[in-house]
Amino acid sequence: EREGISCISSNSSGGDTYYKDSIKGRFTI
């Protein structure tokens, strides 16, 4: 199935980022 792995919030949300555990430390958004 399709899975979400990363995202970046809007500027007004602070531009926060998220990473799925399996890619943390290897991928950068």
PDB file of all heavy atoms in Angstrom:
ATOM      1  N   GLU A   1       0.832  -1.195   0.000  1.00  0.00           N
ATOM      2  CA  GLU A   1       0.000   0.000   0.000  1.00  0.00           C
ATOM      3  C   GLU A   1       0.875   1.256   0.000  1.00  0.00           C
ATOM      4  O   GLU A   1       2.011   1.248   0.458  1.00  0.00           O
ATOM      5  CB  GLU A   1      -0.898   0.002   1.237  1.00  0.00           C
ATOM      6  CG  GLU A   1      -1.950  -1.093   1.222  1.00  0.00           C
ATOM      7  CD  GLU A   1      -2.923  -0.972   2.367  1.00  0.00           C
ATOM      8  OE1 GLU A   1      -2.680  -0.169   3.282  1.00  0.00           O
ATOM      9  OE2 GLU A   1      -3.936  -1.692   2.342  1.00  0.00           O
ATOM     10  N   ARG A   2       0.291   2.320  -0.499  1.00  0.00           N
ATOM     11  CA  ARG A   2       0.991   3.597  -0.465  1.00  0.00           C
ATOM     12  C   ARG A   2       1.149   4.050   0.980  1.00  0.00           C
ATOM     13  O   ARG A   2       0.236   3.867   1.805  1.00  0.00           O
ATOM     14  CB  ARG A   2       0.209   4.638  -1.266  1.00  0.00           C
ATOM     15  CG  ARG A   2       0.961   5.917  -1.539  1.00  0.00           C
ATOM     16  CD  ARG A   2       0.187   6.851  -2.453  1.00  0.00           C
ATOM     17  NE  ARG A   2      -0.051   6.256  -3.766  1.00  0.00           N
ATOM     18  CZ  ARG A   2      -0.553   6.926  -4.801  1.00  0.00           C
ATOM     19  NH1 ARG A   2      -0.863   8.201  -4.671  1.00  0.00           N
ATOM     20  NH2 ARG A   2      -0.757   6.325  -5.947  1.00  0.00           N
ATOM     21  N   GLU A   3       2.297   4.644   1.282  1.00  0.00           N
ATOM     22  CA  GLU A   3       2.559   5.118   2.641  1.00  0.00           C
ATOM     23  C   GLU A   3       3.147   6.519   2.610  1.00  0.00           C
ATOM     24  O   GLU A   3       3.865   6.887   1.687  1.00  0.00           O
ATOM     25  CB  GLU A   3       3.535   4.173   3.356  1.00  0.00           C
ATOM     26  CG  GLU A   3       4.908   4.080   2.722  1.00  0.00           C
ATOM     27  CD  GLU A   3       5.908   3.264   3.521  1.00  0.00           C
ATOM     28  OE1 GLU A   3       5.587   2.861   4.661  1.00  0.00           O
ATOM     29  OE2 GLU A   3       7.032   3.050   3.014  1.00  0.00           O
ATOM     30  N   GLY A   4       2.820   7.285   3.630  1.00  0.00           N
ATOM     31  CA  GLY A   4       3.395   8.610   3.774  1.00  0.00           C
ATOM     32  C   GLY A   4       4.728   8.521   4.482  1.00  0.00           C
ATOM     33  O   GLY A   4       4.839   7.852   5.510  1.00  0.00           O
ATOM     34  N   ILE A   5       5.742   9.179   3.949  1.00  0.00           N
ATOM     35  CA  ILE A   5       7.065   9.071   4.535  1.00  0.00           C
ATOM     36  C   ILE A   5       7.630  10.389   5.048  1.00  0.00           C
ATOM     37  O   ILE A   5       8.499  10.388   5.927  1.00  0.00           O
ATOM     38  CB  ILE A   5       8.066   8.433   3.551  1.00  0.00           C
ATOM     39  CG1 ILE A   5       8.189   9.285   2.275  1.00  0.00           C
ATOM     40  CG2 ILE A   5       7.674   6.997   3.238  1.00  0.00           C
ATOM     41  CD1 ILE A   5       9.331   8.845   1.374  1.00  0.00           C
ATOM     42  N   SER A   6       7.161  11.495   4.541  1.00  0.00           N
ATOM     43  CA  SER A   6       7.710  12.773   4.969  1.00  0.00           C
ATOM     44  C   SER A   6       6.764  13.893   4.565  1.00  0.00           C
ATOM     45  O   SER A   6       5.951  13.724   3.642  1.00  0.00           O
ATOM     46  CB  SER A   6       9.081  13.007   4.328  1.00  0.00           C
ATOM     47  OG  SER A   6       9.660  14.218   4.791  1.00  0.00           O
ATOM     48  N   CYS A   7       6.857  15.000   5.269  1.00  0.00           N
ATOM     49  CA  CYS A   7       6.086  16.166   4.866  1.00  0.00           C
ATOM     50  C   CYS A   7       6.713  17.419   5.447  1.00  0.00           C
ATOM     51  O   CYS A   7       7.537  17.349   6.374  1.00  0.00           O
ATOM     52  CB  CYS A   7       4.623  16.046   5.280  1.00  0.00           C
ATOM     53  SG  CYS A   7       4.317  16.089   7.060  1.00  0.00           S
ATOM     54  N   ILE A   8       6.308  18.542   4.882  1.00  0.00           N
ATOM     55  CA  ILE A   8       6.763  19.839   5.382  1.00  0.00           C
ATOM     56  C   ILE A   8       5.556  20.753   5.455  1.00  0.00           C
ATOM     57  O   ILE A   8       4.774  20.846   4.504  1.00  0.00           O
ATOM     58  CB  ILE A   8       7.901  20.399   4.503  1.00  0.00           C
ATOM     59  CG1 ILE A   8       8.492  21.656   5.126  1.00  0.00           C
ATOM     60  CG2 ILE A   8       7.452  20.637   3.067  1.00  0.00           C
ATOM     61  CD1 ILE A   8       9.864  22.032   4.549  1.00  0.00           C
ATOM     62  N   SER A   9       5.403  21.381   6.584  1.00  0.00           N
ATOM     63  CA  SER A   9       4.227  22.217   6.816  1.00  0.00           C
ATOM     64  C   SER A   9       4.365  23.563   6.126  1.00  0.00           C
ATOM     65  O   SER A   9       5.446  23.952   5.688  1.00  0.00           O
ATOM     66  CB  SER A   9       4.036  22.418   8.316  1.00  0.00           C
ATOM     67  OG  SER A   9       3.789  21.192   8.964  1.00  0.00           O
ATOM     68  N   SER A  10       3.250  24.280   6.043  1.00  0.00           N
ATOM     69  CA  SER A  10       3.262  25.602   5.441  1.00  0.00           C
ATOM     70  C   SER A  10       4.084  26.564   6.287  1.00  0.00           C
ATOM     71  O   SER A  10       4.390  26.284   7.453  1.00  0.00           O
ATOM     72  CB  SER A  10       1.833  26.124   5.304  1.00  0.00           C
ATOM     73  OG  SER A  10       1.263  26.318   6.585  1.00  0.00           O
ATOM     74  N   ASN A  11       4.421  27.692   5.717  1.00  0.00           N
ATOM     75  CA  ASN A  11       5.246  28.669   6.431  1.00  0.00           C
ATOM     76  C   ASN A  11       4.554  29.157   7.692  1.00  0.00           C
ATOM     77  O   ASN A  11       5.184  29.328   8.741  1.00  0.00           O
ATOM     78  CB  ASN A  11       5.565  29.853   5.521  1.00  0.00           C
ATOM     79  CG  ASN A  11       6.581  29.488   4.465  1.00  0.00           C
ATOM     80  OD1 ASN A  11       6.973  28.330   4.332  1.00  0.00           O
ATOM     81  ND2 ASN A  11       6.995  30.474   3.687  1.00  0.00           N
ATOM     82  N   SER A  12       3.235  29.372   7.621  1.00  0.00           N
ATOM     83  CA  SER A  12       2.518  29.865   8.792  1.00  0.00           C
ATOM     84  C   SER A  12       2.403  28.811   9.878  1.00  0.00           C
ATOM     85  O   SER A  12       2.103  29.132  11.028  1.00  0.00           O
ATOM     86  CB  SER A  12       1.133  30.388   8.400  1.00  0.00           C
ATOM     87  OG  SER A  12       0.453  29.437   7.649  1.00  0.00           O
ATOM     88  N   SER A  13       2.629  27.554   9.523  1.00  0.00           N
ATOM     89  CA  SER A  13       2.672  26.470  10.516  1.00  0.00           C
ATOM     90  C   SER A  13       4.083  26.242  11.018  1.00  0.00           C
ATOM     91  O   SER A  13       4.341  25.286  11.746  1.00  0.00           O
ATOM     92  CB  SER A  13       2.136  25.174   9.915  1.00  0.00           C
ATOM     93  OG  SER A  13       0.800  25.303   9.514  1.00  0.00           O
ATOM     94  N   GLY A  14       4.998  27.092  10.587  1.00  0.00           N
ATOM     95  CA  GLY A  14       6.376  26.982  11.052  1.00  0.00           C
ATOM     96  C   GLY A  14       7.275  26.136  10.183  1.00  0.00           C
ATOM     97  O   GLY A  14       8.446  25.955  10.495  1.00  0.00           O
ATOM     98  N   GLY A  15       6.728  25.608   9.092  1.00  0.00           N
ATOM     99  CA  GLY A  15       7.561  24.806   8.219  1.00  0.00           C
ATOM    100  C   GLY A  15       8.067  23.533   8.863  1.00  0.00           C
ATOM    101  O   GLY A  15       9.100  22.985   8.458  1.00  0.00           O
ATOM    102  N   ASP A  16       7.328  23.038   9.849  1.00  0.00           N
ATOM    103  CA  ASP A  16       7.761  21.820  10.544  1.00  0.00           C
ATOM    104  C   ASP A  16       7.835  20.644   9.587  1.00  0.00           C
ATOM    105  O   ASP A  16       7.075  20.566   8.618  1.00  0.00           O
ATOM    106  CB  ASP A  16       6.790  21.483  11.671  1.00  0.00           C
ATOM    107  CG  ASP A  16       6.988  22.381  12.882  1.00  0.00           C
ATOM    108  OD1 ASP A  16       7.685  23.412  12.747  1.00  0.00           O
ATOM    109  OD2 ASP A  16       6.444  22.066  13.950  1.00  0.00           O
ATOM    110  N   THR A  17       8.731  19.728   9.894  1.00  0.00           N
ATOM    111  CA  THR A  17       8.908  18.548   9.052  1.00  0.00           C
ATOM    112  C   THR A  17       8.593  17.276   9.825  1.00  0.00           C
ATOM    113  O   THR A  17       8.613  17.242  11.052  1.00  0.00           O
ATOM    114  CB  THR A  17      10.344  18.473   8.515  1.00  0.00           C
ATOM    115  OG1 THR A  17      11.257  18.445   9.630  1.00  0.00           O
ATOM    116  CG2 THR A  17      10.676  19.660   7.633  1.00  0.00           C
ATOM    117  N   TYR A  18       8.305  16.244   9.061  1.00  0.00           N
ATOM    118  CA  TYR A  18       7.998  14.928   9.629  1.00  0.00           C
ATOM    119  C   TYR A  18       8.703  13.862   8.783  1.00  0.00           C
ATOM    120  O   TYR A  18       8.813  14.010   7.552  1.00  0.00           O
ATOM    121  CB  TYR A  18       6.491  14.671   9.607  1.00  0.00           C
ATOM    122  CG  TYR A  18       6.136  13.192   9.644  1.00  0.00           C
ATOM    123  CD1 TYR A  18       6.146  12.488  10.853  1.00  0.00           C
ATOM    124  CD2 TYR A  18       5.828  12.507   8.477  1.00  0.00           C
ATOM    125  CE1 TYR A  18       5.850  11.145  10.878  1.00  0.00           C
ATOM    126  CE2 TYR A  18       5.533  11.158   8.497  1.00  0.00           C
ATOM    127  CZ  TYR A  18       5.539  10.482   9.695  1.00  0.00           C
ATOM    128  OH  TYR A  18       5.250   9.140   9.727  1.00  0.00           O
ATOM    129  N   TYR A  19       9.197  12.824   9.470  1.00  0.00           N
ATOM    130  CA  TYR A  19       9.816  11.699   8.785  1.00  0.00           C
ATOM    131  C   TYR A  19       9.318  10.394   9.392  1.00  0.00           C
ATOM    132  O   TYR A  19       9.278  10.250  10.618  1.00  0.00           O
ATOM    133  CB  TYR A  19      11.340  11.737   8.904  1.00  0.00           C
ATOM    134  CG  TYR A  19      11.968  12.971   8.316  1.00  0.00           C
ATOM    135  CD1 TYR A  19      12.285  14.058   9.110  1.00  0.00           C
ATOM    136  CD2 TYR A  19      12.252  13.045   6.949  1.00  0.00           C
ATOM    137  CE1 TYR A  19      12.849  15.204   8.568  1.00  0.00           C
ATOM    138  CE2 TYR A  19      12.825  14.181   6.396  1.00  0.00           C
ATOM    139  CZ  TYR A  19      13.118  15.252   7.216  1.00  0.00           C
ATOM    140  OH  TYR A  19      13.680  16.381   6.678  1.00  0.00           O
ATOM    141  N   LYS A  20       8.986   9.467   8.542  1.00  0.00           N
ATOM    142  CA  LYS A  20       8.670   8.114   9.011  1.00  0.00           C
ATOM    143  C   LYS A  20       9.936   7.520   9.602  1.00  0.00           C
ATOM    144  O   LYS A  20      11.052   7.816   9.126  1.00  0.00           O
ATOM    145  CB  LYS A  20       8.175   7.279   7.829  1.00  0.00           C
ATOM    146  CG  LYS A  20       7.654   5.904   8.166  1.00  0.00           C
ATOM    147  CD  LYS A  20       7.163   5.221   6.906  1.00  0.00           C
ATOM    148  CE  LYS A  20       6.739   3.787   7.195  1.00  0.00           C
ATOM    149  NZ  LYS A  20       5.545   3.719   8.043  1.00  0.00           N
ATOM    150  N   ASP A  21       9.800   6.691  10.610  1.00  0.00           N
ATOM    151  CA  ASP A  21      10.966   6.150  11.299  1.00  0.00           C
ATOM    152  C   ASP A  21      11.953   5.471  10.354  1.00  0.00           C
ATOM    153  O   ASP A  21      13.170   5.576  10.525  1.00  0.00           O
ATOM    154  CB  ASP A  21      10.536   5.151  12.378  1.00  0.00           C
ATOM    155  CG  ASP A  21       9.992   5.836  13.613  1.00  0.00           C
ATOM    156  OD1 ASP A  21      10.153   7.072  13.729  1.00  0.00           O
ATOM    157  OD2 ASP A  21       9.402   5.150  14.463  1.00  0.00           O
ATOM    158  N   SER A  22      11.440   4.777   9.365  1.00  0.00           N
ATOM    159  CA  SER A  22      12.310   3.996   8.486  1.00  0.00           C
ATOM    160  C   SER A  22      13.229   4.852   7.628  1.00  0.00           C
ATOM    161  O   SER A  22      14.198   4.343   7.060  1.00  0.00           O
ATOM    162  CB  SER A  22      11.473   3.082   7.589  1.00  0.00           C
ATOM    163  OG  SER A  22      10.581   3.846   6.801  1.00  0.00           O
ATOM    164  N   ILE A  23      12.971   6.132   7.523  1.00  0.00           N
ATOM    165  CA  ILE A  23      13.812   7.008   6.704  1.00  0.00           C
ATOM    166  C   ILE A  23      14.520   8.085   7.522  1.00  0.00           C
ATOM    167  O   ILE A  23      15.318   8.852   6.965  1.00  0.00           O
ATOM    168  CB  ILE A  23      13.019   7.673   5.559  1.00  0.00           C
ATOM    169  CG1 ILE A  23      12.004   8.684   6.131  1.00  0.00           C
ATOM    170  CG2 ILE A  23      12.364   6.637   4.666  1.00  0.00           C
ATOM    171  CD1 ILE A  23      11.439   9.610   5.076  1.00  0.00           C
ATOM    172  N   LYS A  24      14.245   8.156   8.797  1.00  0.00           N
ATOM    173  CA  LYS A  24      14.882   9.176   9.637  1.00  0.00           C
ATOM    174  C   LYS A  24      16.394   9.039   9.586  1.00  0.00           C
ATOM    175  O   LYS A  24      16.946   7.944   9.681  1.00  0.00           O
ATOM    176  CB  LYS A  24      14.406   9.040  11.087  1.00  0.00           C
ATOM    177  CG  LYS A  24      13.174   9.825  11.415  1.00  0.00           C
ATOM    178  CD  LYS A  24      12.806   9.677  12.872  1.00  0.00           C
ATOM    179  CE  LYS A  24      11.456  10.289  13.150  1.00  0.00           C
ATOM    180  NZ  LYS A  24      10.996  10.040  14.526  1.00  0.00           N
ATOM    181  N   GLY A  25      17.049  10.179   9.436  1.00  0.00           N
ATOM    182  CA  GLY A  25      18.500  10.188   9.387  1.00  0.00           C
ATOM    183  C   GLY A  25      19.069   9.906   8.016  1.00  0.00           C
ATOM    184  O   GLY A  25      20.273  10.074   7.794  1.00  0.00           O
ATOM    185  N   ARG A  26      18.216   9.475   7.078  1.00  0.00           N
ATOM    186  CA  ARG A  26      18.685   9.195   5.718  1.00  0.00           C
ATOM    187  C   ARG A  26      18.071  10.146   4.691  1.00  0.00           C
ATOM    188  O   ARG A  26      18.720  10.484   3.700  1.00  0.00           O
ATOM    189  CB  ARG A  26      18.346   7.755   5.332  1.00  0.00           C
ATOM    190  CG  ARG A  26      18.960   6.713   6.234  1.00  0.00           C
ATOM    191  CD  ARG A  26      18.768   5.299   5.670  1.00  0.00           C
ATOM    192  NE  ARG A  26      17.361   4.918   5.583  1.00  0.00           N
ATOM    193  CZ  ARG A  26      16.755   4.547   4.456  1.00  0.00           C
ATOM    194  NH1 ARG A  26      17.432   4.518   3.321  1.00  0.00           N
ATOM    195  NH2 ARG A  26      15.469   4.192   4.458  1.00  0.00           N
ATOM    196  N   PHE A  27      16.833  10.553   4.920  1.00  0.00           N
ATOM    197  CA  PHE A  27      16.131  11.432   3.984  1.00  0.00           C
ATOM    198  C   PHE A  27      15.962  12.813   4.613  1.00  0.00           C
ATOM    199  O   PHE A  27      15.772  12.926   5.828  1.00  0.00           O
ATOM    200  CB  PHE A  27      14.745  10.886   3.657  1.00  0.00           C
ATOM    201  CG  PHE A  27      14.718   9.616   2.832  1.00  0.00           C
ATOM    202  CD1 PHE A  27      15.852   8.862   2.618  1.00  0.00           C
ATOM    203  CD2 PHE A  27      13.528   9.186   2.284  1.00  0.00           C
ATOM    204  CE1 PHE A  27      15.818   7.694   1.867  1.00  0.00           C
ATOM    205  CE2 PHE A  27      13.453   8.015   1.534  1.00  0.00           C
ATOM    206  CZ  PHE A  27      14.609   7.277   1.333  1.00  0.00           C
ATOM    207  N   THR A  28      15.996  13.841   3.769  1.00  0.00           N
ATOM    208  CA  THR A  28      15.790  15.208   4.226  1.00  0.00           C
ATOM    209  C   THR A  28      14.839  15.923   3.276  1.00  0.00           C
ATOM    210  O   THR A  28      15.069  15.948   2.071  1.00  0.00           O
ATOM    211  CB  THR A  28      17.117  15.983   4.282  1.00  0.00           C
ATOM    212  OG1 THR A  28      18.052  15.279   5.105  1.00  0.00           O
ATOM    213  CG2 THR A  28      16.895  17.378   4.856  1.00  0.00           C
ATOM    214  N   ILE A  29      13.785  16.481   3.840  1.00  0.00           N
ATOM    215  CA  ILE A  29      12.834  17.253   3.044  1.00  0.00           C
ATOM    216  C   ILE A  29      13.155  18.732   3.194  1.00  0.00           C
ATOM    217  O   ILE A  29      13.546  19.196   4.269  1.00  0.00           O
ATOM    218  CB  ILE A  29      11.371  16.951   3.467  1.00  0.00           C
ATOM    219  CG1 ILE A  29      10.376  17.546   2.465  1.00  0.00           C
ATOM    220  CG2 ILE A  29      11.099  17.436   4.886  1.00  0.00           C
ATOM    221  CD1 ILE A  29       8.940  17.082   2.701  1.00  0.00           C
TER     222      ILE A  29
END
